[in-house]
Amino acid sequence: MYLLHCVNNSLYCGISNDIAKRIRQHNGKIKGGAKYTRAYAPCELVYQEKVSNKSQALKREYEIKQMSRIDKLSLIKKQ
């Protein structure tokens, strides 16, 4: 699970088992990535969490997406 800071000052949350590759995709360096992040690239990794399996990653992603921006920024600061 990861959070990216995009050039438009937004935060993007996602999951991946290869974060480095996924960030390259988000930034348009290789094929793939979310349409949103390609539009607001470059994006910088600002937070990541390891989880035990995909189910846990999806649950955590949902939890974080429900957080306010202030709570997400607090999470990033605690890292």
C-alpha atoms as a PDB file:
ATOM      1  CA  MET A   1       0.000   0.000   0.000  1.00  0.00           C
ATOM      2  CA  TYR A   2       1.395   3.397  -0.907  1.00  0.00           C
ATOM      3  CA  LEU A   3       0.621   7.108  -1.110  1.00  0.00           C
ATOM      4  CA  LEU A   4       1.927   9.377  -3.841  1.00  0.00           C
ATOM      5  CA  HIS A   5       2.156  13.161  -3.806  1.00  0.00           C
ATOM      6  CA  CYS A   6       1.231  14.468  -7.250  1.00  0.00           C
ATOM      7  CA  VAL A   7       2.335  17.698  -8.914  1.00  0.00           C
ATOM      8  CA  ASN A   8      -1.129  19.239  -8.321  1.00  0.00           C
ATOM      9  CA  ASN A   9      -0.592  18.730  -4.550  1.00  0.00           C
ATOM     10  CA  SER A  10      -3.072  15.828  -4.379  1.00  0.00           C
ATOM     11  CA  LEU A  11      -2.449  12.478  -2.693  1.00  0.00           C
ATOM     12  CA  TYR A  12      -3.019   9.225  -4.573  1.00  0.00           C
ATOM     13  CA  CYS A  13      -3.413   5.896  -2.754  1.00  0.00           C
ATOM     14  CA  GLY A  14      -2.771   2.501  -4.328  1.00  0.00           C
ATOM     15  CA  ILE A  15      -1.472  -1.014  -3.807  1.00  0.00           C
ATOM     16  CA  SER A  16       1.287  -2.924  -5.555  1.00  0.00           C
ATOM     17  CA  ASN A  17       3.745  -5.730  -4.935  1.00  0.00           C
ATOM     18  CA  ASP A  18       6.393  -3.765  -6.906  1.00  0.00           C
ATOM     19  CA  ILE A  19       6.142  -0.119  -5.857  1.00  0.00           C
ATOM     20  CA  ALA A  20       9.184   1.061  -7.819  1.00  0.00           C
ATOM     21  CA  LYS A  21       7.733  -0.297 -11.065  1.00  0.00           C
ATOM     22  CA  ARG A  22       4.299   1.081 -10.237  1.00  0.00           C
ATOM     23  CA  ILE A  23       5.684   4.589  -9.667  1.00  0.00           C
ATOM     24  CA  ARG A  24       7.439   4.452 -13.039  1.00  0.00           C
ATOM     25  CA  GLN A  25       4.063   3.539 -14.543  1.00  0.00           C
ATOM     26  CA  HIS A  26       2.293   6.364 -12.729  1.00  0.00           C
ATOM     27  CA  ASN A  27       4.892   8.833 -13.982  1.00  0.00           C
ATOM     28  CA  GLY A  28       4.543   7.634 -17.573  1.00  0.00           C
ATOM     29  CA  LYS A  29       8.045   6.192 -17.846  1.00  0.00           C
ATOM     30  CA  ILE A  30       6.700   2.737 -18.708  1.00  0.00           C
ATOM     31  CA  LYS A  31       3.315   1.553 -19.950  1.00  0.00           C
ATOM     32  CA  GLY A  32       0.528   1.313 -17.379  1.00  0.00           C
ATOM     33  CA  GLY A  33      -0.371   3.438 -14.395  1.00  0.00           C
ATOM     34  CA  ALA A  34      -3.523   5.268 -13.465  1.00  0.00           C
ATOM     35  CA  LYS A  35      -4.918   7.861 -15.838  1.00  0.00           C
ATOM     36  CA  TYR A  36      -5.170  10.308 -12.927  1.00  0.00           C
ATOM     37  CA  THR A  37      -1.497  10.123 -11.965  1.00  0.00           C
ATOM     38  CA  ARG A  38      -0.296  10.310 -15.550  1.00  0.00           C
ATOM     39  CA  ALA A  39      -2.209  13.590 -15.830  1.00  0.00           C
ATOM     40  CA  TYR A  40      -0.624  14.954 -12.642  1.00  0.00           C
ATOM     41  CA  ALA A  41       2.888  13.523 -12.927  1.00  0.00           C
ATOM     42  CA  PRO A  42       5.501  13.598 -11.693  1.00  0.00           C
ATOM     43  CA  CYS A  43       4.357  11.801  -8.567  1.00  0.00           C
ATOM     44  CA  GLU A  44       6.572  11.153  -5.561  1.00  0.00           C
ATOM     45  CA  LEU A  45       6.281   8.275  -3.109  1.00  0.00           C
ATOM     46  CA  VAL A  46       5.575   9.782   0.335  1.00  0.00           C
ATOM     47  CA  TYR A  47       4.293   6.792   2.313  1.00  0.00           C
ATOM     48  CA  GLN A  48       4.255   3.025   2.139  1.00  0.00           C
ATOM     49  CA  GLU A  49       3.120   0.136   4.305  1.00  0.00           C
ATOM     50  CA  LYS A  50       3.798  -3.559   3.990  1.00  0.00           C
ATOM     51  CA  VAL A  51       0.846  -5.864   4.500  1.00  0.00           C
ATOM     52  CA  SER A  52       0.686  -9.642   4.579  1.00  0.00           C
ATOM     53  CA  ASN A  53      -1.579 -10.250   1.570  1.00  0.00           C
ATOM     54  CA  LYS A  54      -3.679  -8.623  -1.140  1.00  0.00           C
ATOM     55  CA  SER A  55      -6.859  -8.772   0.927  1.00  0.00           C
ATOM     56  CA  GLN A  56      -5.208  -6.826   3.753  1.00  0.00           C
ATOM     57  CA  ALA A  57      -3.780  -4.344   1.232  1.00  0.00           C
ATOM     58  CA  LEU A  58      -7.216  -3.679  -0.250  1.00  0.00           C
ATOM     59  CA  LYS A  59      -8.720  -3.191   3.214  1.00  0.00           C
ATOM     60  CA  ARG A  60      -5.960  -0.789   4.227  1.00  0.00           C
ATOM     61  CA  GLU A  61      -6.229   1.099   0.933  1.00  0.00           C
ATOM     62  CA  TYR A  62      -9.965   1.548   1.563  1.00  0.00           C
ATOM     63  CA  GLU A  63      -9.313   2.780   5.124  1.00  0.00           C
ATOM     64  CA  ILE A  64      -6.809   5.346   3.924  1.00  0.00           C
ATOM     65  CA  LYS A  65      -9.032   6.527   1.070  1.00  0.00           C
ATOM     66  CA  GLN A  66     -11.733   7.244   3.663  1.00  0.00           C
ATOM     67  CA  MET A  67      -9.362   9.460   5.688  1.00  0.00           C
ATOM     68  CA  SER A  68      -9.354  13.223   5.424  1.00  0.00           C
ATOM     69  CA  ARG A  69      -6.399  14.922   3.774  1.00  0.00           C
ATOM     70  CA  ILE A  70      -5.244  16.128   7.198  1.00  0.00           C
ATOM     71  CA  ASP A  71      -5.257  12.563   8.533  1.00  0.00           C
ATOM     72  CA  LYS A  72      -3.316  11.328   5.495  1.00  0.00           C
ATOM     73  CA  LEU A  73      -0.708  14.050   5.971  1.00  0.00           C
ATOM     74  CA  SER A  74      -0.452  13.106   9.646  1.00  0.00           C
ATOM     75  CA  LEU A  75       0.113   9.486   8.643  1.00  0.00           C
ATOM     76  CA  ILE A  76       2.904  10.588   6.312  1.00  0.00           C
ATOM     77  CA  LYS A  77       4.555  12.668   9.074  1.00  0.00           C
ATOM     78  CA  LYS A  78       4.531   9.717  11.491  1.00  0.00           C
ATOM     79  CA  GLN A  79       6.511   7.552   9.082  1.00  0.00           C
END
